[in-house]
Amino acid sequence: MPSRLSNTASILATSSSPSIEQCINVDIGRCDSFAMLVATAGTCTFSPGTSCDIINGEYNDNVDVAGNFSGTIASVKDTVDCLFDATAAYVATYAERASFTQVMYIQGGKTLTPGCYYQNAAIGVAASTNITLDAEGDPNAVFVIAATGALSLGAGSYIVLLNGATYENIFWVIDGAVNVGAGSILRGTTLTVGALSLGADAKLCGRGLAHIAAVYMNEAFIIVDNCDV
């Protein structure tokens, strides 16, 4: 089946789209080497011979981490540094949400162009539907999406990138949990005050930074890179 995802990469920069005056830079600082940051507990649910894979980035195990995680373990110092910077990035970005473009109904079937967006509610993406992020040909385009409430992707739903959009320049700033359903693909960095949960064979292409909460994975993947299907 043809991929519904693009394959691009670029560095973090402020968007040059018409919404630039409403957008900000998000600096994750010393979390750049991390794929997964967990503050309270990490749990991998797995079957014999399988694992929860943390790829192209570190994860911390200085808290209660259970199950078969596969990846590079961060040092305690790097973890403390990332925890500080992830917290600062979340607080600073979420505090600016009133200046973002106010939107309703970010859901499957929605297309967003570069900019900063705020939904004063949870974001729900129905099973087998997609949200499209269209960079409009700008390889430095930034998407910052904040929500008061959880971000939930139903089974088989994707965040689709078009026209130069890249996971590196996408930030989900969520005042709640992030739930990625079975077989779904979320692109970007999550800064969340609630738990991050990835269902069976789900992928987070970017970084999962749970600076005050837990991470739960079910034979899933966090990959600091582009994800193709």
Protein backbone atom coordinates (compact mmCIF):
# COMPACT_ATOMS: atom_id res chain seq x y z
CA MET A 1 0.00 0.00 0.00
CA PRO A 2 1.45 3.44 -0.81
CA SER A 3 2.80 5.39 2.11
CA ARG A 4 0.66 8.16 3.52
CA LEU A 5 3.76 9.80 5.00
CA SER A 6 6.45 11.99 3.47
CA ASN A 7 10.20 11.64 3.94
CA THR A 8 11.90 14.94 4.75
CA ALA A 9 14.31 16.46 7.25
CA SER A 10 15.53 19.92 8.27
CA ILE A 11 16.75 21.92 11.24
CA LEU A 12 14.55 23.68 13.75
CA ALA A 13 13.76 27.25 12.72
CA THR A 14 10.96 29.75 13.01
CA SER A 15 8.33 29.47 10.28
CA SER A 16 8.39 31.99 7.42
CA SER A 17 4.70 31.44 6.67
CA PRO A 18 2.14 34.27 6.89
CA SER A 19 1.41 33.20 10.48
CA ILE A 20 4.96 33.98 11.62
CA GLU A 21 3.77 36.79 13.92
CA GLN A 22 1.73 34.25 15.84
CA CYS A 23 4.43 31.60 16.09
CA ILE A 24 7.37 31.04 18.41
CA ASN A 25 10.49 28.94 18.53
CA VAL A 26 10.44 25.89 20.81
CA ASP A 27 13.79 25.07 22.36
CA ILE A 28 14.09 21.59 23.87
CA GLY A 29 17.68 22.32 24.86
CA ARG A 30 19.53 19.34 26.30
CA CYS A 31 16.77 16.91 25.32
CA ASP A 32 18.18 16.88 21.79
CA SER A 33 19.83 13.50 22.38
CA PHE A 34 16.68 11.93 23.88
CA ALA A 35 13.95 9.88 22.25
CA MET A 36 11.99 9.21 25.45
CA LEU A 37 11.95 11.03 28.77
CA VAL A 38 9.88 9.55 31.58
CA ALA A 39 9.44 11.23 34.97
CA THR A 40 7.56 8.65 37.01
CA ALA A 41 7.44 5.19 35.42
CA GLY A 42 7.97 3.49 32.08
CA THR A 43 6.20 0.27 31.14
CA CYS A 44 6.70 -1.93 28.08
CA THR A 45 4.07 -4.58 27.45
CA PHE A 46 5.57 -7.25 25.21
CA SER A 47 5.29 -10.81 23.97
CA PRO A 48 8.20 -13.28 23.99
CA GLY A 49 10.79 -12.25 21.42
CA THR A 50 9.51 -8.68 21.08
CA SER A 51 10.35 -5.33 22.67
CA CYS A 52 9.51 -1.66 22.85
CA ASP A 53 12.11 -0.01 20.64
CA ILE A 54 13.72 3.37 21.35
CA ILE A 55 15.65 4.21 18.18
CA ASN A 56 18.21 6.95 17.36
CA GLY A 57 17.92 8.53 20.79
CA GLU A 58 18.37 7.88 24.49
CA TYR A 59 15.88 7.03 27.20
CA ASN A 60 16.20 7.19 30.97
CA ASP A 61 15.88 4.29 33.40
CA ASN A 62 16.51 6.13 36.66
CA VAL A 63 12.82 5.68 37.57
CA ASP A 64 10.65 2.57 37.70
CA VAL A 65 11.08 1.14 34.19
CA ALA A 66 9.56 -2.30 33.61
CA GLY A 67 9.41 -4.54 30.56
CA ASN A 68 11.65 -5.11 27.59
CA PHE A 69 12.80 -1.70 26.39
CA SER A 70 15.45 -1.72 23.67
CA GLY A 71 17.71 1.29 23.16
CA THR A 72 20.47 3.47 24.58
CA ILE A 73 20.19 4.43 28.24
CA ALA A 74 20.95 8.04 29.17
CA SER A 75 23.19 9.03 32.03
CA VAL A 76 21.68 10.41 35.20
CA LYS A 77 23.19 13.83 34.49
CA ASP A 78 21.78 13.93 30.96
CA THR A 79 18.40 12.89 32.33
CA VAL A 80 18.38 15.65 34.95
CA ASP A 81 19.37 18.20 32.31
CA CYS A 82 16.69 17.04 29.89
CA LEU A 83 14.04 17.00 32.60
CA PHE A 84 14.84 20.62 33.43
CA ASP A 85 14.78 21.73 29.79
CA ALA A 86 11.65 19.78 28.85
CA THR A 87 9.80 21.33 31.78
CA ALA A 88 10.98 24.80 30.80
CA ALA A 89 10.00 24.26 27.16
CA TYR A 90 6.52 23.10 28.10
CA VAL A 91 5.90 25.92 30.57
CA ALA A 92 7.21 28.65 28.25
CA THR A 93 5.33 27.42 25.19
CA TYR A 94 2.01 26.68 26.87
CA ALA A 95 2.12 30.11 28.53
CA GLU A 96 2.06 31.70 25.06
CA ARG A 97 -1.02 29.85 23.86
CA ALA A 98 -3.29 32.92 24.01
CA SER A 99 -1.19 34.49 21.24
CA PHE A 100 -1.55 31.45 18.98
CA THR A 101 -4.15 31.04 16.27
CA GLN A 102 -7.31 29.89 18.08
CA VAL A 103 -8.87 26.88 16.39
CA MET A 104 -11.67 24.40 16.91
CA TYR A 105 -12.01 20.82 15.79
CA ILE A 106 -8.44 19.76 15.12
CA GLN A 107 -9.38 16.26 14.05
CA GLY A 108 -9.10 13.71 11.27
CA GLY A 109 -9.47 15.31 7.85
CA LYS A 110 -7.97 18.63 9.01
CA THR A 111 -5.05 20.26 7.17
CA LEU A 112 -2.87 22.81 8.95
CA THR A 113 -0.31 25.14 7.39
CA PRO A 114 2.76 26.42 9.30
CA GLY A 115 2.11 28.34 12.48
CA CYS A 116 1.18 28.09 16.15
CA TYR A 117 -2.30 26.78 17.01
CA TYR A 118 -4.27 26.49 20.22
CA GLN A 119 -7.40 24.44 20.84
CA ASN A 120 -9.11 25.06 24.16
CA ALA A 121 -10.19 21.43 24.32
CA ALA A 122 -8.85 17.94 23.80
CA ILE A 123 -7.76 16.83 20.32
CA GLY A 124 -9.31 13.60 19.08
CA VAL A 125 -8.45 11.91 15.80
CA ALA A 126 -10.87 9.14 14.85
CA ALA A 127 -9.60 5.71 13.82
CA SER A 128 -8.24 5.47 10.26
CA THR A 129 -8.31 9.25 9.70
CA ASN A 130 -5.40 11.67 9.28
CA ILE A 131 -4.31 15.18 10.21
CA THR A 132 -2.17 16.71 7.47
CA LEU A 133 0.60 19.23 8.17
CA ASP A 134 1.44 21.09 4.94
CA ALA A 135 4.71 23.06 4.97
CA GLU A 136 3.83 24.71 1.64
CA GLY A 137 7.35 24.15 0.33
CA ASP A 138 9.16 25.73 3.30
CA PRO A 139 11.69 23.21 4.70
CA ASN A 140 12.00 25.30 7.88
CA ALA A 141 8.25 25.48 8.53
CA VAL A 142 7.30 25.10 12.20
CA PHE A 143 4.07 23.70 13.61
CA VAL A 144 3.28 24.24 17.29
CA ILE A 145 -0.03 22.72 18.37
CA ALA A 146 -1.19 23.31 21.94
CA ALA A 147 -4.32 21.90 23.54
CA THR A 148 -6.09 22.10 26.89
CA GLY A 149 -6.84 18.42 27.18
CA ALA A 150 -5.55 15.14 25.83
CA LEU A 151 -4.30 14.29 22.35
CA SER A 152 -5.72 10.96 21.17
CA LEU A 153 -5.15 9.17 17.88
CA GLY A 154 -7.50 6.30 17.12
CA ALA A 155 -6.21 3.04 15.68
CA GLY A 156 -4.66 3.36 12.25
CA SER A 157 -4.62 7.18 12.21
CA TYR A 158 -1.65 9.19 10.97
CA ILE A 159 -0.10 12.62 11.14
CA VAL A 160 0.72 13.12 7.47
CA LEU A 161 3.48 15.51 6.36
CA LEU A 162 3.40 17.33 3.03
CA ASN A 163 5.57 19.69 0.99
CA GLY A 164 8.69 19.74 3.16
CA ALA A 165 7.19 19.31 6.63
CA THR A 166 9.48 17.44 9.01
CA TYR A 167 9.05 15.78 12.38
CA GLU A 168 11.88 17.94 13.76
CA ASN A 169 9.79 21.09 13.48
CA ILE A 170 6.52 19.80 14.95
CA PHE A 171 5.65 20.27 18.62
CA TRP A 172 2.57 18.99 20.45
CA VAL A 173 2.17 20.93 23.71
CA ILE A 174 -0.53 19.03 25.54
CA ASP A 175 -2.13 19.87 28.88
CA GLY A 176 -3.18 16.25 29.34
CA ALA A 177 -2.25 12.77 28.18
CA VAL A 178 -1.13 11.66 24.72
CA ASN A 179 -2.65 8.40 23.48
CA VAL A 180 -1.50 6.86 20.19
CA GLY A 181 -3.71 3.97 19.11
CA ALA A 182 -2.63 0.65 17.64
CA GLY A 183 -0.88 1.02 14.30
CA SER A 184 -1.04 4.82 14.41
CA ILE A 185 1.81 7.23 13.64
CA LEU A 186 2.36 10.51 15.47
CA ARG A 187 5.04 12.85 14.11
CA GLY A 188 6.91 15.45 16.16
CA THR A 189 7.96 16.14 19.74
CA THR A 190 5.38 15.72 22.50
CA LEU A 191 5.60 17.96 25.55
CA THR A 192 2.88 16.65 27.83
CA VAL A 193 1.85 16.87 31.47
CA GLY A 194 -0.03 13.57 31.24
CA ALA A 195 1.10 10.07 30.42
CA LEU A 196 2.28 9.10 26.94
CA SER A 197 0.75 5.81 25.75
CA LEU A 198 1.53 3.98 22.51
CA GLY A 199 -0.59 1.02 21.45
CA ALA A 200 0.52 -2.11 19.63
CA ASP A 201 2.80 -1.33 16.67
CA ALA A 202 2.24 2.43 17.10
CA LYS A 203 5.06 4.81 16.21
CA LEU A 204 6.10 8.18 17.55
CA CYS A 205 8.43 9.67 14.98
CA GLY A 206 10.21 12.31 17.00
CA ARG A 207 10.50 12.56 20.78
CA GLY A 208 8.25 11.69 23.69
CA LEU A 209 9.03 14.00 26.60
CA ALA A 210 6.84 13.23 29.61
CA HIS A 211 8.46 15.59 32.09
CA ILE A 212 6.07 14.88 35.00
CA ALA A 213 4.35 11.66 33.97
CA ALA A 214 4.71 8.07 32.79
CA VAL A 215 5.22 6.36 29.44
CA TYR A 216 3.39 3.17 28.47
CA MET A 217 4.27 1.21 25.33
CA ASN A 218 2.84 -1.99 23.86
CA GLU A 219 5.41 -3.41 21.45
CA ALA A 220 5.62 0.10 20.01
CA PHE A 221 8.35 2.40 18.68
CA ILE A 222 9.79 5.85 19.40
CA ILE A 223 12.09 6.82 16.55
CA VAL A 224 14.05 10.06 16.27
CA ASP A 225 13.83 10.05 12.49
CA ASN A 226 11.32 9.89 9.66
CA CYS A 227 8.96 6.93 9.74
CA ASP A 228 7.79 5.30 6.53
CA VAL A 229 5.11 2.66 6.10
